[in-house]
PDB file of N, CA and C in Angstrom:
ATOM      1  N   MET A   1      13.812  -4.576 -14.053  1.00  0.00           N
ATOM      2  CA  MET A   1      14.553  -5.754 -12.512  1.00  0.00           C
ATOM      3  C   MET A   1      13.243  -4.822 -11.860  1.00  0.00           C
ATOM      4  N   THR A   2      13.028  -6.174 -10.731  1.00  0.00           N
ATOM      5  CA  THR A   2      11.694  -5.736  -9.713  1.00  0.00           C
ATOM      6  C   THR A   2      12.625  -5.680  -8.590  1.00  0.00           C
ATOM      7  N   SER A   3      12.055  -4.870  -8.222  1.00  0.00           N
ATOM      8  CA  SER A   3      12.782  -4.220  -6.419  1.00  0.00           C
ATOM      9  C   SER A   3      11.963  -5.026  -5.759  1.00  0.00           C
ATOM     10  N   PRO A   4      13.304  -5.166  -4.770  1.00  0.00           N
ATOM     11  CA  PRO A   4      12.391  -5.830  -3.350  1.00  0.00           C
ATOM     12  C   PRO A   4      11.290  -5.019  -2.753  1.00  0.00           C
ATOM     13  N   VAL A   5      10.411  -6.014  -1.569  1.00  0.00           N
ATOM     14  CA  VAL A   5       8.861  -5.104  -1.513  1.00  0.00           C
ATOM     15  C   VAL A   5       9.109  -5.309  -0.072  1.00  0.00           C
ATOM     16  N   ILE A   6       9.221  -3.833   0.572  1.00  0.00           N
ATOM     17  CA  ILE A   6       9.846  -4.116   2.680  1.00  0.00           C
ATOM     18  C   ILE A   6       8.649  -2.956   3.148  1.00  0.00           C
ATOM     19  N   PHE A   7       7.862  -4.129   3.543  1.00  0.00           N
ATOM     20  CA  PHE A   7       6.551  -3.018   4.479  1.00  0.00           C
ATOM     21  C   PHE A   7       7.057  -2.584   5.999  1.00  0.00           C
ATOM     22  N   ARG A   8       6.703  -1.057   6.325  1.00  0.00           N
ATOM     23  CA  ARG A   8       7.307  -1.485   7.542  1.00  0.00           C
ATOM     24  C   ARG A   8       6.185  -1.584   8.677  1.00  0.00           C
ATOM     25  N   ARG A   9       6.696  -1.836   9.749  1.00  0.00           N
ATOM     26  CA  ARG A   9       5.360  -3.593  10.696  1.00  0.00           C
ATOM     27  C   ARG A   9       4.274  -2.634  10.570  1.00  0.00           C
ATOM     28  N   VAL A  10       3.784  -0.920  10.544  1.00  0.00           N
ATOM     29  CA  VAL A  10       2.866  -0.350  11.028  1.00  0.00           C
ATOM     30  C   VAL A  10       2.131  -0.490   9.986  1.00  0.00           C
ATOM     31  N   ALA A  11       2.765  -0.843   8.736  1.00  0.00           N
ATOM     32  CA  ALA A  11       1.416  -0.707   7.246  1.00  0.00           C
ATOM     33  C   ALA A  11       1.541  -2.308   7.437  1.00  0.00           C
ATOM     34  N   ARG A  12       2.362  -3.133   7.201  1.00  0.00           N
ATOM     35  CA  ARG A  12       1.798  -4.310   7.198  1.00  0.00           C
ATOM     36  C   ARG A  12       0.416  -4.129   8.206  1.00  0.00           C
ATOM     37  N   ALA A  13       0.532  -4.406   9.774  1.00  0.00           N
ATOM     38  CA  ALA A  13      -0.451  -4.452  10.228  1.00  0.00           C
ATOM     39  C   ALA A  13      -1.693  -3.459   9.605  1.00  0.00           C
ATOM     40  N   GLU A  14      -1.685  -2.802   8.903  1.00  0.00           N
ATOM     41  CA  GLU A  14      -2.805  -2.147   8.146  1.00  0.00           C
ATOM     42  C   GLU A  14      -3.999  -2.624   7.273  1.00  0.00           C
ATOM     43  N   PHE A  15      -2.596  -3.495   6.581  1.00  0.00           N
ATOM     44  CA  PHE A  15      -2.799  -4.296   5.471  1.00  0.00           C
ATOM     45  C   PHE A  15      -4.008  -5.135   6.177  1.00  0.00           C
ATOM     46  N   ASN A  16      -3.100  -6.653   6.935  1.00  0.00           N
ATOM     47  CA  ASN A  16      -3.457  -7.264   7.746  1.00  0.00           C
ATOM     48  C   ASN A  16      -5.163  -7.076   8.162  1.00  0.00           C
ATOM     49  N   ASP A  17      -5.385  -5.721   8.760  1.00  0.00           N
ATOM     50  CA  ASP A  17      -6.208  -5.306   9.606  1.00  0.00           C
ATOM     51  C   ASP A  17      -7.152  -5.024   8.823  1.00  0.00           C
ATOM     52  N   ALA A  18      -7.090  -4.541   7.522  1.00  0.00           N
ATOM     53  CA  ALA A  18      -8.214  -4.505   6.400  1.00  0.00           C
ATOM     54  C   ALA A  18      -8.543  -5.744   5.536  1.00  0.00           C
ATOM     55  N   ALA A  19      -8.206  -6.647   5.481  1.00  0.00           N
ATOM     56  CA  ALA A  19      -7.936  -7.390   4.927  1.00  0.00           C
ATOM     57  C   ALA A  19      -8.929  -8.156   5.689  1.00  0.00           C
ATOM     58  N   ASP A  20      -8.409  -8.132   7.055  1.00  0.00           N
ATOM     59  CA  ASP A  20      -9.793  -9.067   8.018  1.00  0.00           C
ATOM     60  C   ASP A  20     -10.889  -8.231   7.898  1.00  0.00           C
ATOM     61  N   TRP A  21     -11.215  -6.904   7.959  1.00  0.00           N
ATOM     62  CA  TRP A  21     -12.132  -6.786   7.626  1.00  0.00           C
ATOM     63  C   TRP A  21     -13.082  -7.188   7.177  1.00  0.00           C
ATOM     64  N   TYR A  22     -12.987  -6.726   5.726  1.00  0.00           N
ATOM     65  CA  TYR A  22     -13.316  -7.129   4.523  1.00  0.00           C
ATOM     66  C   TYR A  22     -13.632  -8.546   4.096  1.00  0.00           C
ATOM     67  N   GLU A  23     -13.201  -9.545   4.984  1.00  0.00           N
ATOM     68  CA  GLU A  23     -12.930 -10.998   5.139  1.00  0.00           C
ATOM     69  C   GLU A  23     -14.422 -10.633   6.196  1.00  0.00           C
ATOM     70  N   GLN A  24     -14.533 -10.055   7.520  1.00  0.00           N
ATOM     71  CA  GLN A  24     -15.778 -10.614   8.032  1.00  0.00           C
ATOM     72  C   GLN A  24     -17.111  -9.828   7.983  1.00  0.00           C
ATOM     73  N   ARG A  25     -16.603  -9.193   6.451  1.00  0.00           N
ATOM     74  CA  ARG A  25     -18.189  -8.433   5.897  1.00  0.00           C
ATOM     75  C   ARG A  25     -18.616  -9.661   5.203  1.00  0.00           C
ATOM     76  N   ARG A  26     -17.498 -10.410   4.730  1.00  0.00           N
ATOM     77  CA  ARG A  26     -17.900 -11.229   3.513  1.00  0.00           C
ATOM     78  C   ARG A  26     -17.193 -12.175   3.466  1.00  0.00           C
ATOM     79  N   ARG A  27     -17.386 -13.926   3.244  1.00  0.00           N
ATOM     80  CA  ARG A  27     -15.872 -14.527   2.788  1.00  0.00           C
ATOM     81  C   ARG A  27     -15.966 -14.978   1.947  1.00  0.00           C
ATOM     82  N   GLY A  28     -14.326 -14.371   1.564  1.00  0.00           N
ATOM     83  CA  GLY A  28     -13.298 -14.125   0.207  1.00  0.00           C
ATOM     84  C   GLY A  28     -12.999 -12.402  -0.134  1.00  0.00           C
ATOM     85  N   LEU A  29     -13.667 -11.694   0.460  1.00  0.00           N
ATOM     86  CA  LEU A  29     -13.815 -10.600   0.256  1.00  0.00           C
ATOM     87  C   LEU A  29     -12.604 -10.193   0.426  1.00  0.00           C
ATOM     88  N   GLY A  30     -11.618 -10.584   1.458  1.00  0.00           N
ATOM     89  CA  GLY A  30     -10.610 -10.475   1.969  1.00  0.00           C
ATOM     90  C   GLY A  30      -9.681 -10.453   1.376  1.00  0.00           C
ATOM     91  N   ALA A  31      -9.734 -12.418   1.047  1.00  0.00           N
ATOM     92  CA  ALA A  31      -8.893 -12.712   0.003  1.00  0.00           C
ATOM     93  C   ALA A  31      -8.988 -11.760  -1.253  1.00  0.00           C
ATOM     94  N   ALA A  32     -10.102 -10.933  -2.007  1.00  0.00           N
ATOM     95  CA  ALA A  32     -10.257 -10.520  -2.959  1.00  0.00           C
ATOM     96  C   ALA A  32      -8.859  -8.799  -2.683  1.00  0.00           C
ATOM     97  N   PHE A  33      -9.832  -8.710  -1.090  1.00  0.00           N
ATOM     98  CA  PHE A  33      -9.200  -6.914  -0.757  1.00  0.00           C
ATOM     99  C   PHE A  33      -7.066  -7.292  -1.109  1.00  0.00           C
ATOM    100  N   THR A  34      -7.071  -8.635  -0.655  1.00  0.00           N
ATOM    101  CA  THR A  34      -5.114  -9.113  -0.274  1.00  0.00           C
ATOM    102  C   THR A  34      -4.805  -9.023  -1.758  1.00  0.00           C
ATOM    103  N   ALA A  35      -5.045  -9.674  -3.245  1.00  0.00           N
ATOM    104  CA  ALA A  35      -5.436  -9.918  -4.350  1.00  0.00           C
ATOM    105  C   ALA A  35      -4.879  -8.337  -5.088  1.00  0.00           C
ATOM    106  N   ALA A  36      -6.009  -7.343  -4.778  1.00  0.00           N
ATOM    107  CA  ALA A  36      -6.154  -6.012  -5.275  1.00  0.00           C
ATOM    108  C   ALA A  36      -4.754  -6.026  -4.902  1.00  0.00           C
ATOM    109  N   VAL A  37      -4.185  -5.282  -3.426  1.00  0.00           N
ATOM    110  CA  VAL A  37      -2.935  -5.211  -2.674  1.00  0.00           C
ATOM    111  C   VAL A  37      -1.681  -5.885  -3.521  1.00  0.00           C
ATOM    112  N   GLU A  38      -1.726  -6.395  -3.757  1.00  0.00           N
ATOM    113  CA  GLU A  38      -0.508  -7.753  -4.145  1.00  0.00           C
ATOM    114  C   GLU A  38       0.017  -7.413  -4.940  1.00  0.00           C
ATOM    115  N   ASP A  39      -1.641  -7.348  -6.254  1.00  0.00           N
ATOM    116  CA  ASP A  39      -1.375  -6.667  -7.773  1.00  0.00           C
ATOM    117  C   ASP A  39      -0.817  -4.953  -7.491  1.00  0.00           C
ATOM    118  N   VAL A  40      -1.273  -4.068  -6.910  1.00  0.00           N
ATOM    119  CA  VAL A  40      -0.263  -3.208  -7.291  1.00  0.00           C
ATOM    120  C   VAL A  40       0.807  -2.880  -6.463  1.00  0.00           C
ATOM    121  N   LEU A  41       1.387  -3.886  -5.613  1.00  0.00           N
ATOM    122  CA  LEU A  41       2.295  -4.104  -4.895  1.00  0.00           C
ATOM    123  C   LEU A  41       3.110  -4.512  -6.058  1.00  0.00           C
ATOM    124  N   GLU A  42       3.188  -5.132  -6.943  1.00  0.00           N
ATOM    125  CA  GLU A  42       3.746  -5.693  -8.163  1.00  0.00           C
ATOM    126  C   GLU A  42       4.211  -4.713  -9.059  1.00  0.00           C
ATOM    127  N   ARG A  43       3.145  -3.897  -9.025  1.00  0.00           N
ATOM    128  CA  ARG A  43       3.598  -2.793 -10.043  1.00  0.00           C
ATOM    129  C   ARG A  43       4.341  -1.790  -9.773  1.00  0.00           C
ATOM    130  N   ILE A  44       4.088  -1.575  -8.297  1.00  0.00           N
ATOM    131  CA  ILE A  44       5.000  -0.397  -8.259  1.00  0.00           C
ATOM    132  C   ILE A  44       6.691  -1.272  -7.552  1.00  0.00           C
ATOM    133  N   ALA A  45       7.212  -2.297  -7.346  1.00  0.00           N
ATOM    134  CA  ALA A  45       8.350  -2.931  -6.995  1.00  0.00           C
ATOM    135  C   ALA A  45       8.973  -3.731  -9.078  1.00  0.00           C
ATOM    136  N   ASP A  46       7.954  -3.097  -9.798  1.00  0.00           N
ATOM    137  CA  ASP A  46       8.352  -3.588 -11.466  1.00  0.00           C
ATOM    138  C   ASP A  46       8.913  -2.510 -12.135  1.00  0.00           C
ATOM    139  N   GLN A  47       8.071  -0.696 -11.917  1.00  0.00           N
ATOM    140  CA  GLN A  47       8.284   0.037 -12.029  1.00  0.00           C
ATOM    141  C   GLN A  47       7.686   1.577 -11.053  1.00  0.00           C
ATOM    142  N   PRO A  48       8.462   1.483  -9.911  1.00  0.00           N
ATOM    143  CA  PRO A  48       8.224   2.070  -8.556  1.00  0.00           C
ATOM    144  C   PRO A  48       7.992   3.709  -8.919  1.00  0.00           C
ATOM    145  N   ARG A  49       8.252   3.785 -10.229  1.00  0.00           N
ATOM    146  CA  ARG A  49       8.683   5.767 -10.459  1.00  0.00           C
ATOM    147  C   ARG A  49       7.189   5.626 -11.428  1.00  0.00           C
ATOM    148  N   LEU A  50       5.614   4.951 -11.292  1.00  0.00           N
ATOM    149  CA  LEU A  50       5.483   4.800 -12.379  1.00  0.00           C
ATOM    150  C   LEU A  50       4.507   5.998 -11.015  1.00  0.00           C
ATOM    151  N   PHE A  51       4.150   5.455 -10.002  1.00  0.00           N
ATOM    152  CA  PHE A  51       3.293   6.927  -9.510  1.00  0.00           C
ATOM    153  C   PHE A  51       3.574   7.996  -8.615  1.00  0.00           C
ATOM    154  N   PRO A  52       2.725   8.750  -8.725  1.00  0.00           N
ATOM    155  CA  PRO A  52       3.417  10.420  -8.838  1.00  0.00           C
ATOM    156  C   PRO A  52       3.915   9.881  -6.918  1.00  0.00           C
ATOM    157  N   LYS A  53       4.760  11.190  -6.617  1.00  0.00           N
ATOM    158  CA  LYS A  53       5.166  11.142  -5.476  1.00  0.00           C
ATOM    159  C   LYS A  53       3.662  12.357  -5.204  1.00  0.00           C
ATOM    160  N   VAL A  54       3.772  12.375  -3.882  1.00  0.00           N
ATOM    161  CA  VAL A  54       2.483  13.379  -3.379  1.00  0.00           C
ATOM    162  C   VAL A  54       3.303  13.776  -2.010  1.00  0.00           C
ATOM    163  N   TYR A  55       4.091  13.257  -0.787  1.00  0.00           N
ATOM    164  CA  TYR A  55       4.181  13.996  -0.142  1.00  0.00           C
ATOM    165  C   TYR A  55       6.125  14.001  -0.235  1.00  0.00           C
ATOM    166  N   LYS A  56       6.193  14.693  -0.248  1.00  0.00           N
ATOM    167  CA  LYS A  56       8.468  15.170   0.039  1.00  0.00           C
ATOM    168  C   LYS A  56       8.887  13.631  -1.100  1.00  0.00           C
ATOM    169  N   ASP A  57       9.500  12.253  -0.817  1.00  0.00           N
ATOM    170  CA  ASP A  57       9.813  11.615  -1.743  1.00  0.00           C
ATOM    171  C   ASP A  57       8.660  10.287  -2.136  1.00  0.00           C
ATOM    172  N   ALA A  58       7.491  10.357  -0.696  1.00  0.00           N
ATOM    173  CA  ALA A  58       6.518   9.620  -1.004  1.00  0.00           C
ATOM    174  C   ALA A  58       5.741   9.396  -2.128  1.00  0.00           C
ATOM    175  N   ARG A  59       4.969   8.124  -2.675  1.00  0.00           N
ATOM    176  CA  ARG A  59       4.356   8.063  -3.397  1.00  0.00           C
ATOM    177  C   ARG A  59       2.840   7.537  -3.258  1.00  0.00           C
ATOM    178  N   LEU A  60       2.238   7.516  -4.334  1.00  0.00           N
ATOM    179  CA  LEU A  60       0.869   7.181  -4.073  1.00  0.00           C
ATOM    180  C   LEU A  60       0.484   6.292  -5.597  1.00  0.00           C
ATOM    181  N   ALA A  61      -0.316   5.298  -4.863  1.00  0.00           N
ATOM    182  CA  ALA A  61      -0.781   3.770  -5.985  1.00  0.00           C
ATOM    183  C   ALA A  61      -1.778   3.714  -5.121  1.00  0.00           C
ATOM    184  N   LEU A  62      -2.693   4.106  -6.245  1.00  0.00           N
ATOM    185  CA  LEU A  62      -4.556   3.090  -5.431  1.00  0.00           C
ATOM    186  C   LEU A  62      -4.682   2.033  -5.790  1.00  0.00           C
ATOM    187  N   VAL A  63      -5.441   1.305  -5.256  1.00  0.00           N
ATOM    188  CA  VAL A  63      -5.778  -0.094  -4.797  1.00  0.00           C
ATOM    189  C   VAL A  63      -6.850  -0.167  -5.874  1.00  0.00           C
ATOM    190  N   SER A  64      -6.992  -0.772  -6.869  1.00  0.00           N
ATOM    191  CA  SER A  64      -8.304  -0.838  -7.679  1.00  0.00           C
ATOM    192  C   SER A  64      -9.348  -1.565  -6.951  1.00  0.00           C
ATOM    193  N   GLY A  65     -10.663  -0.904  -6.837  1.00  0.00           N
ATOM    194  CA  GLY A  65     -12.061  -1.318  -6.626  1.00  0.00           C
ATOM    195  C   GLY A  65     -11.797  -1.703  -5.299  1.00  0.00           C
ATOM    196  N   TYR A  66     -11.899  -0.628  -4.163  1.00  0.00           N
ATOM    197  CA  TYR A  66     -10.983  -0.884  -3.157  1.00  0.00           C
ATOM    198  C   TYR A  66     -11.311   0.687  -2.816  1.00  0.00           C
ATOM    199  N   PRO A  67     -11.986   1.261  -1.509  1.00  0.00           N
ATOM    200  CA  PRO A  67     -10.663   2.644  -1.337  1.00  0.00           C
ATOM    201  C   PRO A  67      -9.608   3.086  -0.120  1.00  0.00           C
ATOM    202  N   TYR A  68      -8.661   2.197  -0.926  1.00  0.00           N
ATOM    203  CA  TYR A  68      -7.544   1.975  -0.066  1.00  0.00           C
ATOM    204  C   TYR A  68      -6.085   2.674  -1.428  1.00  0.00           C
ATOM    205  N   CYS A  69      -5.481   3.164  -0.477  1.00  0.00           N
ATOM    206  CA  CYS A  69      -4.130   3.749  -1.405  1.00  0.00           C
ATOM    207  C   CYS A  69      -2.757   2.806  -0.722  1.00  0.00           C
ATOM    208  N   VAL A  70      -1.984   2.576  -1.245  1.00  0.00           N
ATOM    209  CA  VAL A  70      -0.551   2.354  -0.498  1.00  0.00           C
ATOM    210  C   VAL A  70       0.727   3.681  -1.491  1.00  0.00           C
ATOM    211  N   TYR A  71       0.985   3.692   0.244  1.00  0.00           N
ATOM    212  CA  TYR A  71       1.920   4.747   0.061  1.00  0.00           C
ATOM    213  C   TYR A  71       3.122   4.279   0.330  1.00  0.00           C
ATOM    214  N   TYR A  72       4.477   4.671  -0.422  1.00  0.00           N
ATOM    215  CA  TYR A  72       5.696   4.195  -0.158  1.00  0.00           C
ATOM    216  C   TYR A  72       6.804   4.922  -0.997  1.00  0.00           C
ATOM    217  N   LEU A  73       7.956   4.395  -0.650  1.00  0.00           N
ATOM    218  CA  LEU A  73       9.565   4.918  -0.765  1.00  0.00           C
ATOM    219  C   LEU A  73      10.255   4.417  -1.332  1.00  0.00           C
ATOM    220  N   GLU A  74      10.539   4.770  -2.828  1.00  0.00           N
ATOM    221  CA  GLU A  74      11.232   4.183  -4.050  1.00  0.00           C
ATOM    222  C   GLU A  74      12.785   4.686  -2.901  1.00  0.00           C
ATOM    223  N   GLU A  75      13.754   3.586  -2.983  1.00  0.00           N
ATOM    224  CA  GLU A  75      14.755   3.578  -2.556  1.00  0.00           C
ATOM    225  C   GLU A  75      15.747   2.785  -2.956  1.00  0.00           C
ATOM    226  N   PRO A  76      17.095   2.973  -3.189  1.00  0.00           N
ATOM    227  CA  PRO A  76      18.078   2.810  -4.498  1.00  0.00           C
ATOM    228  C   PRO A  76      18.039   0.915  -4.376  1.00  0.00           C
ATOM    229  N   GLU A  77      18.128   0.056  -3.183  1.00  0.00           N
ATOM    230  CA  GLU A  77      18.104  -1.617  -3.831  1.00  0.00           C
ATOM    231  C   GLU A  77      16.731  -2.204  -3.287  1.00  0.00           C
ATOM    232  N   GLN A  78      15.479  -0.858  -2.562  1.00  0.00           N
ATOM    233  CA  GLN A  78      14.293  -1.742  -2.056  1.00  0.00           C
ATOM    234  C   GLN A  78      13.345  -0.573  -2.559  1.00  0.00           C
ATOM    235  N   VAL A  79      11.749  -0.922  -2.135  1.00  0.00           N
ATOM    236  CA  VAL A  79      10.908  -0.171  -2.292  1.00  0.00           C
ATOM    237  C   VAL A  79      10.098  -0.227  -0.683  1.00  0.00           C
ATOM    238  N   VAL A  80       9.931   0.717  -0.259  1.00  0.00           N
ATOM    239  CA  VAL A  80       9.201   0.573   1.347  1.00  0.00           C
ATOM    240  C   VAL A  80       7.953   1.113   1.563  1.00  0.00           C
ATOM    241  N   ILE A  81       7.245   0.474   2.081  1.00  0.00           N
ATOM    242  CA  ILE A  81       5.949   0.495   2.261  1.00  0.00           C
ATOM    243  C   ILE A  81       5.528   1.009   3.429  1.00  0.00           C
ATOM    244  N   LEU A  82       5.248   2.073   3.347  1.00  0.00           N
ATOM    245  CA  LEU A  82       4.760   3.885   4.420  1.00  0.00           C
ATOM    246  C   LEU A  82       3.188   2.863   5.184  1.00  0.00           C
ATOM    247  N   ALA A  83       2.105   3.160   4.139  1.00  0.00           N
ATOM    248  CA  ALA A  83       1.400   2.369   4.417  1.00  0.00           C
ATOM    249  C   ALA A  83       0.080   1.912   3.670  1.00  0.00           C
ATOM    250  N   VAL A  84      -0.366   1.201   3.942  1.00  0.00           N
ATOM    251  CA  VAL A  84      -2.346   0.933   3.252  1.00  0.00           C
ATOM    252  C   VAL A  84      -3.303   0.838   4.007  1.00  0.00           C
ATOM    253  N   PHE A  85      -3.179   2.440   3.461  1.00  0.00           N
ATOM    254  CA  PHE A  85      -4.548   3.017   3.915  1.00  0.00           C
ATOM    255  C   PHE A  85      -5.853   3.414   3.335  1.00  0.00           C
ATOM    256  N   HIS A  86      -6.875   3.268   3.876  1.00  0.00           N
ATOM    257  CA  HIS A  86      -8.040   4.236   3.703  1.00  0.00           C
ATOM    258  C   HIS A  86      -8.162   5.395   3.343  1.00  0.00           C
ATOM    259  N   THR A  87      -8.590   5.420   2.085  1.00  0.00           N
ATOM    260  CA  THR A  87      -8.353   6.955   1.228  1.00  0.00           C
ATOM    261  C   THR A  87      -9.352   8.503   2.066  1.00  0.00           C
ATOM    262  N   SER A  88     -10.016   7.668   3.020  1.00  0.00           N
ATOM    263  CA  SER A  88     -10.643   8.831   4.253  1.00  0.00           C
ATOM    264  C   SER A  88      -9.808   9.306   5.573  1.00  0.00           C
ATOM    265  N   ARG A  89      -8.951   8.905   5.817  1.00  0.00           N
ATOM    266  CA  ARG A  89      -8.733   9.044   7.220  1.00  0.00           C
ATOM    267  C   ARG A  89      -7.548   9.901   6.854  1.00  0.00           C
ATOM    268  N   ASP A  90      -6.936  10.279   8.210  1.00  0.00           N
ATOM    269  CA  ASP A  90      -6.506  11.851   7.822  1.00  0.00           C
ATOM    270  C   ASP A  90      -4.684  11.282   7.605  1.00  0.00           C
ATOM    271  N   PRO A  91      -4.424  11.987   6.505  1.00  0.00           N
ATOM    272  CA  PRO A  91      -2.927  11.892   5.722  1.00  0.00           C
ATOM    273  C   PRO A  91      -2.124  12.080   6.800  1.00  0.00           C
ATOM    274  N   SER A  92      -1.880  13.000   7.947  1.00  0.00           N
ATOM    275  CA  SER A  92      -0.979  13.583   8.253  1.00  0.00           C
ATOM    276  C   SER A  92      -0.304  12.533   9.282  1.00  0.00           C
ATOM    277  N   VAL A  93      -1.555  11.252   9.490  1.00  0.00           N
ATOM    278  CA  VAL A  93      -1.218   9.799   9.873  1.00  0.00           C
ATOM    279  C   VAL A  93      -0.137   9.531   9.389  1.00  0.00           C
ATOM    280  N   TRP A  94      -0.063   9.148   8.094  1.00  0.00           N
ATOM    281  CA  TRP A  94       1.043   8.038   7.473  1.00  0.00           C
ATOM    282  C   TRP A  94       2.143   9.302   6.987  1.00  0.00           C
ATOM    283  N   GLN A  95       2.012  10.571   6.981  1.00  0.00           N
ATOM    284  CA  GLN A  95       3.252  11.562   6.511  1.00  0.00           C
ATOM    285  C   GLN A  95       4.310  11.379   7.615  1.00  0.00           C
ATOM    286  N   SER A  96       4.040  11.092   8.985  1.00  0.00           N
ATOM    287  CA  SER A  96       4.687  11.139   9.810  1.00  0.00           C
ATOM    288  C   SER A  96       5.926   9.714   9.827  1.00  0.00           C
ATOM    289  N   ARG A  97       5.826   8.859   8.637  1.00  0.00           N
ATOM    290  CA  ARG A  97       6.492   7.719   8.462  1.00  0.00           C
ATOM    291  C   ARG A  97       7.569   8.148   7.596  1.00  0.00           C
ATOM    292  N   SER A  98       7.404   9.291   6.613  1.00  0.00           N
ATOM    293  CA  SER A  98       7.944   9.640   5.591  1.00  0.00           C
ATOM    294  C   SER A  98       9.433   9.882   6.005  1.00  0.00           C
TER     295      SER A  98
END
């Protein structure tokens, strides 16, 4: 059964900002980034326990082809996206969201 995926507001903003940044660098790259993140989100929705726990109950899924990862929590009825995060950023930023 596929779980609904819900974004925290800050996570949605990070995702949108990253897609915009890639699109500004080269036309179409933002769409490619968005597709790569959506692929990860589908895998998370289908199998929330597939990815490892990395901090408390938060799990980490890498975005293929980009230096980004998705941090999320598995809840009984849904998956909550905490961050769409560049891997070079300080993890304490997203950890306060879990």
